[in-house]
């Protein structure tokens, strides 16, 4: 029983360490990437939802924007056309997806 508990604790610690600083609860992050619609551009969802796609270590990361006033107001700029954006907010992982709750988003300088 103690070995199982130690194993579970070790795995939890490794998972926490591997998610990195961007997933720290309540910590504000700023990311820059390609803003697009999960429905129209990525064909991943049944309804429109903004996504910011970035690349880290050669792997694409999708940050799904949580529906709030900031993301809803900006959606029209990304629905049919992908654009480079810079966004600030808090990130958390939900069901294996990164969710970004925005406090600010704007088109990035080209």
Protein backbone atom coordinates (compact mmCIF):
# COMPACT_ATOMS: atom_id res chain seq x y z
CA UNK A 1 0.00 0.00 0.00
CA UNK A 2 2.79 2.44 0.87
CA UNK A 3 4.58 1.63 -2.39
CA UNK A 4 1.43 2.36 -4.38
CA UNK A 5 0.92 5.65 -2.58
CA UNK A 6 4.54 6.62 -3.16
CA UNK A 7 4.20 5.74 -6.85
CA UNK A 8 1.06 7.83 -7.23
CA UNK A 9 2.68 10.75 -5.43
CA UNK A 10 5.77 10.46 -7.66
CA UNK A 11 3.70 10.44 -10.84
CA UNK A 12 1.69 13.44 -9.63
CA UNK A 13 4.91 15.32 -8.91
CA UNK A 14 6.30 14.52 -12.36
CA UNK A 15 3.09 15.67 -14.03
CA UNK A 16 3.13 18.90 -12.08
CA UNK A 17 6.74 19.53 -13.03
CA UNK A 18 6.20 18.70 -16.70
CA UNK A 19 3.28 21.11 -17.19
CA UNK A 20 5.64 24.02 -16.54
CA UNK A 21 5.09 27.55 -15.32
CA UNK A 22 2.38 28.37 -17.87
CA UNK A 23 -0.11 26.21 -15.99
CA UNK A 24 0.45 27.65 -12.53
CA UNK A 25 -2.95 28.43 -11.05
CA UNK A 26 -3.92 32.07 -11.29
CA UNK A 27 -0.64 33.16 -12.87
CA UNK A 28 -1.03 35.60 -15.76
CA UNK A 29 0.77 34.63 -18.98
CA UNK A 30 1.24 36.36 -22.32
CA UNK A 31 1.41 34.29 -25.48
CA UNK A 32 1.83 35.17 -29.14
CA UNK A 33 0.63 32.87 -31.87
CA UNK A 34 -1.73 32.32 -34.75
CA UNK A 35 -5.29 33.15 -33.75
CA UNK A 36 -7.94 31.10 -35.54
CA UNK A 37 -11.37 29.54 -35.16
CA UNK A 38 -11.56 25.96 -33.87
CA UNK A 39 -14.62 25.32 -36.07
CA UNK A 40 -13.83 27.21 -39.26
CA UNK A 41 -10.04 26.83 -39.50
CA UNK A 42 -9.19 23.73 -37.44
CA UNK A 43 -12.44 21.76 -37.99
CA UNK A 44 -12.26 20.56 -34.35
CA UNK A 45 -15.48 21.86 -32.82
CA UNK A 46 -19.15 22.07 -33.80
CA UNK A 47 -19.40 25.72 -32.74
CA UNK A 48 -17.08 28.66 -33.28
CA UNK A 49 -14.38 29.08 -30.63
CA UNK A 50 -11.18 31.08 -30.83
CA UNK A 51 -7.88 29.22 -30.53
CA UNK A 52 -4.34 30.53 -30.35
CA UNK A 53 -1.91 28.09 -31.92
CA UNK A 54 1.73 28.31 -30.86
CA UNK A 55 4.77 26.11 -31.32
CA UNK A 56 7.05 24.86 -28.56
CA UNK A 57 9.93 22.45 -29.11
CA UNK A 58 8.61 21.68 -32.60
CA UNK A 59 5.16 20.73 -31.29
CA UNK A 60 1.97 22.70 -31.94
CA UNK A 61 0.07 23.83 -28.85
CA UNK A 62 -3.53 24.99 -29.03
CA UNK A 63 -4.85 27.38 -26.39
CA UNK A 64 -8.66 27.29 -26.51
CA UNK A 65 -10.08 30.65 -25.45
CA UNK A 66 -12.69 30.52 -22.71
CA UNK A 67 -15.88 32.35 -23.70
CA UNK A 68 -15.89 35.68 -21.90
CA UNK A 69 -16.51 39.27 -22.98
CA UNK A 70 -12.92 39.72 -24.20
CA UNK A 71 -12.85 36.60 -26.40
CA UNK A 72 -16.41 37.10 -27.72
CA UNK A 73 -15.66 40.68 -28.76
CA UNK A 74 -12.51 39.59 -30.63
CA UNK A 75 -13.98 36.48 -32.31
CA UNK A 76 -15.09 38.26 -35.48
CA UNK A 77 -11.47 39.14 -36.27
CA UNK A 78 -10.47 35.46 -36.31
CA UNK A 79 -13.49 33.45 -37.41
CA UNK A 80 -12.88 33.33 -41.16
CA UNK A 81 -9.30 34.60 -41.21
CA UNK A 82 -6.29 33.48 -39.16
CA UNK A 83 -4.15 36.30 -37.77
CA UNK A 84 -1.14 36.65 -35.51
CA UNK A 85 -2.24 37.74 -32.03
CA UNK A 86 -0.82 38.47 -28.60
CA UNK A 87 -3.00 37.52 -25.66
CA UNK A 88 -2.77 37.80 -21.88
CA UNK A 89 -4.70 35.71 -19.39
CA UNK A 90 -4.59 32.63 -17.19
CA UNK A 91 -4.08 29.08 -18.46
CA UNK A 92 -5.38 25.83 -17.08
CA UNK A 93 -5.59 22.33 -18.47
CA UNK A 94 -9.10 20.87 -18.78
CA UNK A 95 -9.67 17.38 -20.19
CA UNK A 96 -6.25 17.42 -21.86
CA UNK A 97 -6.79 20.82 -23.53
CA UNK A 98 -5.15 24.11 -22.62
CA UNK A 99 -7.77 26.76 -21.84
CA UNK A 100 -6.85 30.43 -21.79
CA UNK A 101 -9.12 32.87 -19.96
CA UNK A 102 -8.36 36.23 -21.55
CA UNK A 103 -7.88 39.55 -19.89
CA UNK A 104 -6.49 41.14 -23.08
CA UNK A 105 -6.02 40.24 -26.76
CA UNK A 106 -4.79 42.24 -29.72
CA UNK A 107 -3.42 41.77 -33.21
CA UNK A 108 0.34 41.28 -33.03
CA UNK A 109 2.71 43.64 -34.80
CA UNK A 110 3.72 42.06 -38.09
